[in-house]
Amino acid sequence: MNGKGSNDKMAHRIAMLGFGVVGQGFVEILIRKGKMLQEKYQLDTKIVAVSDIKKGALYHPNGLDLEKLLTIVSETGSLEGYPEEPGLIRNLDSFETITNTNAHTIIEATYTDVKTGQPAINHCRYAFEHQKNVIMTNKGPVALAYEELISLAERNGVRWGFEGSVMSGSPTLTMPNVSLAGNEITEIKGILNGTTNYILTQMEKGVSYEDALKEAQALGYAEADPTSDVEGYDSLYKILILTKVVMGLPLTWESIDRQGIPHITLEDIEQARRENKRWKLVAKVKANGKEVIASVKPEKLPINDPLANISGANNAITYECDLLGPVTVVGAGAGKIETGYSLLIDLLNIHRTLEKASLSKAI
């Protein structure tokens, strides 16, 4: 499936805001899995628009050629080389892409300031007000404006998907509300940041904090400015999302006790080893009656704790369920295809909802 030649009336039309690593990973999945998605799930997709503040913007109501998109961006870093054809429109900004295209669903994959949630929060507002679904991996809007945005989506009869905002494509938000339905989840704790987990894993091998951080940056796990990861802000926003979405409890980021890992030394690592424990940056929230207690901080975990054995850049979450006991999900916390897959999860869920609605009307 390259975005051309399928039935326009049946296709689910998508506009993408941002075409970086995550967006390109999603398009790679559509190319690879297109036939299977059509045959197994009756999901036919068209990418009709891409708008990226650095790479440029394209819109064609009949769909863009996905293989050409990836090839041109890979070779030039820009969308400008996409060939001209009748009906092609260039240079729409993000808000024009939302309103002036025939997309059913907006994929929001822009670079977003986690402190303000912008521009993604405004993109969501604009899309919902124009009766368009939104799928995203951005943490900011879910952490900072969840109540407002979910209400706005519901009032406008559209869907908002954000599975990838915690642990990429691992089903950390879908699973509790589906597979664990009926349980009361009283506590959530997890390793929610791959960078810090990689650093602590390397320190167990005798690598200093400074050298382990440099390795993480070289491997692409950490940004040039690693503050958000190593000081615990990334994990803070993720536990905030889990609290609101999974537990349905109110929580503000200011109320979360946050500590990072830069003060952890090799001596601390060795002391934990002698105690048969491991240091991990643990994010957790617990409901204690009407009180909600949340924190992000380094902890020495007993070696038999499932989270103690999560190594490298992997992530994990343990849900404490009243009926099932502790349930732990382990998976990748980042990655081009893994995070792109989270967009596919949300798209399939929207597609299934629309199919059910159509069936209900037919009956």
Protein backbone atom coordinates (compact mmCIF):
# COMPACT_ATOMS: atom_id res chain seq x y z
CA MET A 1 0.00 0.00 0.00
CA ASN A 2 1.65 3.26 -1.10
CA GLY A 3 -1.25 5.63 -0.44
CA LYS A 4 -2.48 5.63 -4.04
CA GLY A 5 -5.11 3.66 -5.90
CA SER A 6 -7.35 2.52 -3.05
CA ASN A 7 -11.03 3.32 -2.66
CA ASP A 8 -11.24 6.96 -1.53
CA LYS A 9 -14.63 6.50 0.12
CA MET A 10 -13.42 3.55 2.20
CA ALA A 11 -9.92 4.75 3.04
CA HIS A 12 -9.09 6.27 6.41
CA ARG A 13 -7.42 9.56 5.48
CA ILE A 14 -4.55 10.79 7.67
CA ALA A 15 -2.67 14.08 7.95
CA MET A 16 0.68 14.06 9.73
CA LEU A 17 2.04 17.00 11.73
CA GLY A 18 5.75 16.39 12.04
CA PHE A 19 7.70 13.94 9.92
CA GLY A 20 10.66 12.99 12.05
CA VAL A 21 11.77 9.58 13.28
CA VAL A 22 8.37 8.58 14.72
CA GLY A 23 6.36 9.70 11.70
CA GLN A 24 8.70 7.96 9.31
CA GLY A 25 8.56 4.80 11.41
CA PHE A 26 4.77 4.83 11.15
CA VAL A 27 4.92 5.20 7.36
CA GLU A 28 7.40 2.31 7.14
CA ILE A 29 4.90 0.16 9.05
CA LEU A 30 2.07 1.12 6.67
CA ILE A 31 4.20 0.15 3.68
CA ARG A 32 5.26 -3.15 5.25
CA LYS A 33 1.91 -4.11 6.78
CA GLY A 34 -0.55 -2.49 4.37
CA LYS A 35 -1.82 -5.67 2.74
CA MET A 36 -2.23 -7.44 6.08
CA LEU A 37 -4.08 -4.47 7.58
CA GLN A 38 -6.52 -4.50 4.69
CA GLU A 39 -7.10 -8.26 4.73
CA LYS A 40 -7.23 -8.85 8.49
CA TYR A 41 -8.70 -5.61 9.81
CA GLN A 42 -10.30 -4.08 6.69
CA LEU A 43 -8.19 -0.99 7.36
CA ASP A 44 -7.23 0.91 4.24
CA THR A 45 -5.25 4.09 4.87
CA LYS A 46 -4.16 7.12 2.90
CA ILE A 47 -1.61 9.67 4.05
CA VAL A 48 -3.07 12.75 2.39
CA ALA A 49 -0.89 15.40 4.06
CA VAL A 50 2.42 15.90 5.80
CA SER A 51 3.40 19.19 7.44
CA ASP A 52 6.80 19.58 9.07
CA ILE A 53 8.17 22.93 10.22
CA LYS A 54 11.66 22.10 8.91
CA LYS A 55 11.04 19.69 6.04
CA GLY A 56 8.10 21.44 4.36
CA ALA A 57 4.50 20.43 3.69
CA LEU A 58 2.52 18.45 1.09
CA TYR A 59 -1.17 17.78 0.58
CA HIS A 60 -2.97 15.73 -2.02
CA PRO A 61 -6.63 14.79 -1.43
CA ASN A 62 -6.12 11.43 -3.19
CA GLY A 63 -3.10 10.49 -1.06
CA LEU A 64 0.67 10.82 -1.19
CA ASP A 65 3.05 8.13 -2.41
CA LEU A 66 4.56 6.75 0.81
CA GLU A 67 7.65 5.21 -0.71
CA LYS A 68 8.47 8.47 -2.51
CA LEU A 69 7.99 10.36 0.77
CA LEU A 70 10.48 8.20 2.63
CA THR A 71 13.01 8.12 -0.20
CA ILE A 72 13.03 11.88 -0.69
CA VAL A 73 13.28 12.67 3.03
CA SER A 74 16.03 10.08 3.47
CA GLU A 75 18.04 11.46 0.57
CA THR A 76 17.51 15.21 1.06
CA GLY A 77 16.08 15.77 4.55
CA SER A 78 13.26 17.73 2.93
CA LEU A 79 9.87 17.27 1.25
CA GLU A 80 10.67 19.84 -1.42
CA GLY A 81 11.85 17.19 -3.87
CA TYR A 82 8.48 15.41 -3.97
CA PRO A 83 7.44 15.44 -7.65
CA GLU A 84 4.76 17.81 -8.90
CA GLU A 85 1.42 16.33 -9.94
CA PRO A 86 -2.09 17.66 -10.54
CA GLY A 87 -3.88 18.45 -7.29
CA LEU A 88 -0.72 18.64 -5.13
CA ILE A 89 -0.64 21.57 -2.69
CA ARG A 90 2.49 22.66 -0.85
CA ASN A 91 3.39 24.71 2.23
CA LEU A 92 0.27 24.44 4.40
CA ASP A 93 1.15 25.15 8.02
CA SER A 94 0.06 22.81 10.81
CA PHE A 95 -3.27 24.53 11.48
CA GLU A 96 -4.08 24.81 7.76
CA THR A 97 -3.28 21.11 7.45
CA ILE A 98 -5.87 20.38 10.12
CA THR A 99 -8.63 22.50 8.60
CA ASN A 100 -7.92 22.62 4.85
CA THR A 101 -7.38 18.93 4.17
CA ASN A 102 -9.81 16.01 3.88
CA ALA A 103 -8.13 14.00 6.66
CA HIS A 104 -10.26 12.06 9.13
CA THR A 105 -7.42 11.74 11.63
CA ILE A 106 -4.47 13.96 12.57
CA ILE A 107 -1.23 12.35 13.70
CA GLU A 108 0.49 14.82 16.01
CA ALA A 109 4.22 14.08 16.01
CA THR A 110 5.75 17.52 16.39
CA TYR A 111 8.52 18.48 18.76
CA THR A 112 6.65 19.68 21.83
CA ASP A 113 7.78 21.57 24.91
CA VAL A 114 7.00 19.24 27.82
CA LYS A 115 6.75 22.20 30.20
CA THR A 116 3.94 23.87 28.22
CA GLY A 117 2.60 21.03 26.06
CA GLN A 118 2.73 23.33 23.05
CA PRO A 119 2.19 23.40 20.14
CA ALA A 120 0.58 19.97 20.52
CA ILE A 121 -2.14 21.11 22.94
CA ASN A 122 -3.33 23.76 20.49
CA HIS A 123 -3.16 21.27 17.62
CA CYS A 124 -5.45 18.94 19.60
CA ARG A 125 -7.89 21.71 20.44
CA TYR A 126 -8.06 22.84 16.82
CA ALA A 127 -8.50 19.31 15.47
CA PHE A 128 -11.25 18.40 17.94
CA GLU A 129 -13.11 21.64 17.25
CA HIS A 130 -13.04 20.68 13.55
CA GLN A 131 -14.33 17.16 14.29
CA LYS A 132 -11.08 15.34 13.55
CA ASN A 133 -9.51 12.50 15.55
CA VAL A 134 -6.00 12.91 16.95
CA ILE A 135 -3.31 10.28 17.50
CA MET A 136 -0.08 11.25 19.21
CA THR A 137 2.99 10.15 21.14
CA ASN A 138 3.57 13.51 22.86
CA LYS A 139 3.50 13.40 26.65
CA GLY A 140 2.83 17.10 27.23
CA PRO A 141 -0.85 17.36 26.22
CA VAL A 142 -1.84 14.21 28.12
CA ALA A 143 0.08 15.17 31.25
CA LEU A 144 -0.89 18.83 31.31
CA ALA A 145 -4.32 19.08 29.65
CA TYR A 146 -5.88 15.60 29.83
CA GLU A 147 -9.19 16.57 31.42
CA GLU A 148 -9.79 19.49 29.07
CA LEU A 149 -8.83 17.66 25.88
CA ILE A 150 -10.64 14.39 26.55
CA SER A 151 -13.80 16.38 27.30
CA LEU A 152 -13.38 18.45 24.12
CA ALA A 153 -12.91 15.31 22.02
CA GLU A 154 -16.02 13.69 23.51
CA ARG A 155 -18.15 16.81 22.95
CA ASN A 156 -17.16 16.83 19.29
CA GLY A 157 -17.69 13.11 18.77
CA VAL A 158 -14.07 12.28 17.93
CA ARG A 159 -11.35 10.08 19.38
CA TRP A 160 -8.01 10.89 21.00
CA GLY A 161 -5.28 8.23 21.01
CA PHE A 162 -2.02 8.57 22.96
CA GLU A 163 -0.80 5.02 23.64
CA GLY A 164 2.75 6.01 22.69
CA SER A 165 3.02 8.68 25.40
CA VAL A 166 4.17 5.97 27.86
CA MET A 167 6.55 3.15 26.85
CA SER A 168 6.16 3.61 23.09
CA GLY A 169 4.15 0.74 21.58
CA SER A 170 3.92 -1.39 24.73
CA PRO A 171 0.21 -1.49 25.71
CA THR A 172 0.64 0.29 29.03
CA LEU A 173 -2.50 2.44 28.70
CA THR A 174 -4.74 0.12 26.68
CA MET A 175 -4.10 -3.06 28.67
CA PRO A 176 -5.24 -1.79 32.11
CA ASN A 177 -8.53 -0.56 30.66
CA VAL A 178 -9.15 -3.69 28.58
CA SER A 179 -7.31 -6.81 29.75
CA LEU A 180 -7.32 -5.76 33.42
CA ALA A 181 -10.87 -4.38 33.40
CA GLY A 182 -12.72 -5.09 36.65
CA ASN A 183 -9.60 -4.75 38.78
CA GLU A 184 -9.00 -1.85 41.09
CA ILE A 185 -5.45 -0.71 40.44
CA THR A 186 -4.18 0.64 43.74
CA GLU A 187 -0.55 1.24 42.84
CA ILE A 188 1.55 1.70 39.71
CA LYS A 189 5.32 1.64 39.70
CA GLY A 190 7.77 1.39 36.89
CA ILE A 191 11.01 2.09 35.11
CA LEU A 192 9.76 4.62 32.59
CA ASN A 193 12.94 6.10 31.17
CA GLY A 194 15.35 4.09 29.04
CA THR A 195 18.23 6.55 29.29
CA THR A 196 18.54 6.39 33.06
CA ASN A 197 18.08 2.64 33.09
CA TYR A 198 20.86 2.24 30.54
CA ILE A 199 23.17 4.45 32.60
CA LEU A 200 22.52 2.53 35.82
CA THR A 201 22.98 -0.80 34.00
CA GLN A 202 26.37 0.34 32.68
CA MET A 203 27.40 1.58 36.11
CA GLU A 204 26.85 -1.95 37.43
CA LYS A 205 29.56 -2.97 34.95
CA GLY A 206 31.95 -0.44 36.48
CA VAL A 207 31.40 2.41 34.01
CA SER A 208 31.29 5.87 35.62
CA TYR A 209 28.11 7.97 35.46
CA GLU A 210 29.77 10.48 33.13
CA ASP A 211 31.02 7.82 30.70
CA ALA A 212 27.71 5.91 30.78
CA LEU A 213 25.87 9.14 29.92
CA LYS A 214 28.21 9.75 26.98
CA GLU A 215 27.52 6.20 25.76
CA ALA A 216 23.77 6.79 26.03
CA GLN A 217 24.09 9.97 23.99
CA ALA A 218 26.21 8.23 21.36
CA LEU A 219 23.58 5.48 21.05
CA GLY A 220 20.76 8.00 20.68
CA TYR A 221 19.11 7.18 24.03
CA ALA A 222 19.92 10.59 25.52
CA GLU A 223 19.68 14.09 24.05
CA ALA A 224 22.59 16.51 23.94
CA ASP A 225 20.91 18.11 26.96
CA PRO A 226 19.96 15.05 29.05
CA THR A 227 18.30 17.01 31.88
CA SER A 228 14.76 15.78 31.22
CA ASP A 229 15.90 12.15 31.44
CA VAL A 230 18.51 12.11 34.17
CA GLU A 231 16.69 14.53 36.50
CA GLY A 232 13.48 12.52 36.30
CA TYR A 233 11.20 14.94 34.43
CA ASP A 234 10.46 12.46 31.63
CA SER A 235 9.41 9.81 34.15
CA LEU A 236 7.43 12.40 36.11
CA TYR A 237 5.19 13.22 33.16
CA LYS A 238 4.67 9.54 32.40
CA ILE A 239 3.58 8.67 35.95
CA LEU A 240 1.29 11.70 35.81
CA ILE A 241 -0.31 10.29 32.65
CA LEU A 242 -0.70 6.83 34.18
CA THR A 243 -2.32 8.30 37.28
CA LYS A 244 -4.89 10.26 35.29
CA VAL A 245 -5.63 7.76 32.52
CA VAL A 246 -5.36 4.38 34.28
CA MET A 247 -6.31 5.22 37.87
CA GLY A 248 -8.61 8.12 37.04
CA LEU A 249 -7.16 10.20 39.87
CA PRO A 250 -6.31 13.90 39.93
CA LEU A 251 -2.65 14.78 40.29
CA THR A 252 -0.44 17.76 39.51
CA TRP A 253 3.21 17.55 38.57
CA GLU A 254 4.13 19.91 41.42
CA SER A 255 2.90 17.33 43.95
CA ILE A 256 5.25 14.61 42.70
CA ASP A 257 8.44 14.12 44.72
CA ARG A 258 11.15 14.11 42.02
CA GLN A 259 14.83 13.22 42.26
CA GLY A 260 17.27 12.33 39.48
CA ILE A 261 20.26 9.99 39.27
CA PRO A 262 23.36 12.23 38.76
CA HIS A 263 24.33 11.87 42.43
CA ILE A 264 24.49 8.04 42.23
CA THR A 265 28.12 6.88 42.45
CA LEU A 266 29.90 3.63 41.67
CA GLU A 267 30.30 3.23 45.44
CA ASP A 268 26.50 3.40 45.80
CA ILE A 269 26.15 0.75 43.09
CA GLU A 270 28.63 -1.53 44.84
CA GLN A 271 26.94 -1.07 48.22
CA ALA A 272 23.61 -2.10 46.68
CA ARG A 273 25.26 -5.17 45.17
CA ARG A 274 26.51 -6.23 48.61
CA GLU A 275 22.91 -5.89 49.87
CA ASN A 276 21.68 -8.04 46.96
CA LYS A 277 19.89 -5.01 45.50
CA ARG A 278 20.02 -2.78 42.41
CA TRP A 279 19.55 0.94 41.92
CA LYS A 280 16.71 1.91 39.59
CA LEU A 281 14.96 5.19 38.87
CA VAL A 282 11.45 4.24 39.97
CA ALA A 283 8.31 6.22 39.19
CA LYS A 284 5.33 5.26 41.31
CA VAL A 285 1.92 6.35 42.46
CA LYS A 286 -0.26 4.88 45.19
CA ALA A 287 -3.85 5.59 46.16
CA ASN A 288 -4.23 5.74 49.94
CA GLY A 289 -7.90 6.43 50.48
CA LYS A 290 -8.51 9.89 49.03
CA GLU A 291 -4.79 10.68 49.17
CA VAL A 292 -2.59 10.18 46.09
CA ILE A 293 1.14 9.79 46.76
CA ALA A 294 3.50 9.92 43.78
CA SER A 295 7.26 10.05 43.37
CA VAL A 296 10.12 9.67 40.92
CA LYS A 297 13.41 8.84 42.57
CA PRO A 298 16.29 6.34 42.66
CA GLU A 299 15.56 3.29 44.79
CA LYS A 300 17.48 0.20 45.82
CA LEU A 301 15.24 -2.67 44.76
CA PRO A 302 15.61 -6.25 46.04
CA ILE A 303 17.08 -8.47 43.33
CA ASN A 304 13.87 -10.55 43.23
CA ASP A 305 11.73 -7.51 42.35
CA PRO A 306 10.69 -7.79 38.65
CA LEU A 307 11.78 -4.20 38.06
CA ALA A 308 15.28 -4.89 39.41
CA ASN A 309 15.98 -7.19 36.47
CA ILE A 310 15.06 -4.71 33.72
CA SER A 311 18.36 -3.91 32.01
CA GLY A 312 19.65 -1.60 29.32
CA ALA A 313 17.22 0.84 27.73
CA ASN A 314 14.17 -1.33 28.41
CA ASN A 315 11.18 -0.09 30.41
CA ALA A 316 8.66 -1.86 32.64
CA ILE A 317 5.52 -1.14 34.63
CA THR A 318 3.95 -3.09 37.47
CA TYR A 319 0.22 -2.67 38.12
CA GLU A 320 -0.97 -3.71 41.58
CA CYS A 321 -4.44 -5.20 41.01
CA ASP A 322 -6.91 -6.13 43.75
CA LEU A 323 -8.12 -9.27 41.90
CA LEU A 324 -5.06 -10.39 39.96
CA GLY A 325 -2.20 -9.19 42.11
CA PRO A 326 0.89 -7.59 40.55
CA VAL A 327 1.05 -7.60 36.75
CA THR A 328 4.25 -6.42 35.05
CA VAL A 329 4.60 -5.27 31.45
CA VAL A 330 8.10 -5.16 29.96
CA GLY A 331 8.96 -3.58 26.64
CA ALA A 332 10.87 -1.01 24.68
CA GLY A 333 10.54 2.55 25.89
CA ALA A 334 11.66 4.10 22.62
CA GLY A 335 12.58 3.29 19.04
CA LYS A 336 11.55 4.27 15.53
CA ILE A 337 9.38 1.26 14.73
CA GLU A 338 8.27 0.66 18.33
CA THR A 339 6.95 4.20 18.72
CA GLY A 340 5.55 4.22 15.20
CA TYR A 341 3.67 1.06 16.15
CA SER A 342 1.94 2.91 19.00
CA LEU A 343 0.33 5.16 16.35
CA LEU A 344 -0.92 2.05 14.56
CA ILE A 345 -2.49 0.73 17.81
CA ASP A 346 -4.47 3.94 18.20
CA LEU A 347 -5.44 4.01 14.52
CA LEU A 348 -6.76 0.44 14.70
CA ASN A 349 -8.75 1.25 17.84
CA ILE A 350 -10.34 4.26 16.11
CA HIS A 351 -11.05 2.14 13.03
CA ARG A 352 -12.76 -0.54 15.13
CA THR A 353 -14.89 2.10 16.87
CA LEU A 354 -15.99 3.54 13.55
CA GLU A 355 -16.82 0.05 12.24
CA LYS A 356 -18.98 -0.67 15.29
CA ALA A 357 -20.77 2.66 14.89
CA SER A 358 -21.47 1.92 11.22
CA LEU A 359 -22.77 -1.56 12.09
CA SER A 360 -25.05 -0.14 14.77
CA LYS A 361 -26.53 2.34 12.30
CA ALA A 362 -27.06 -0.42 9.75
CA ILE A 363 -28.92 -2.54 12.29
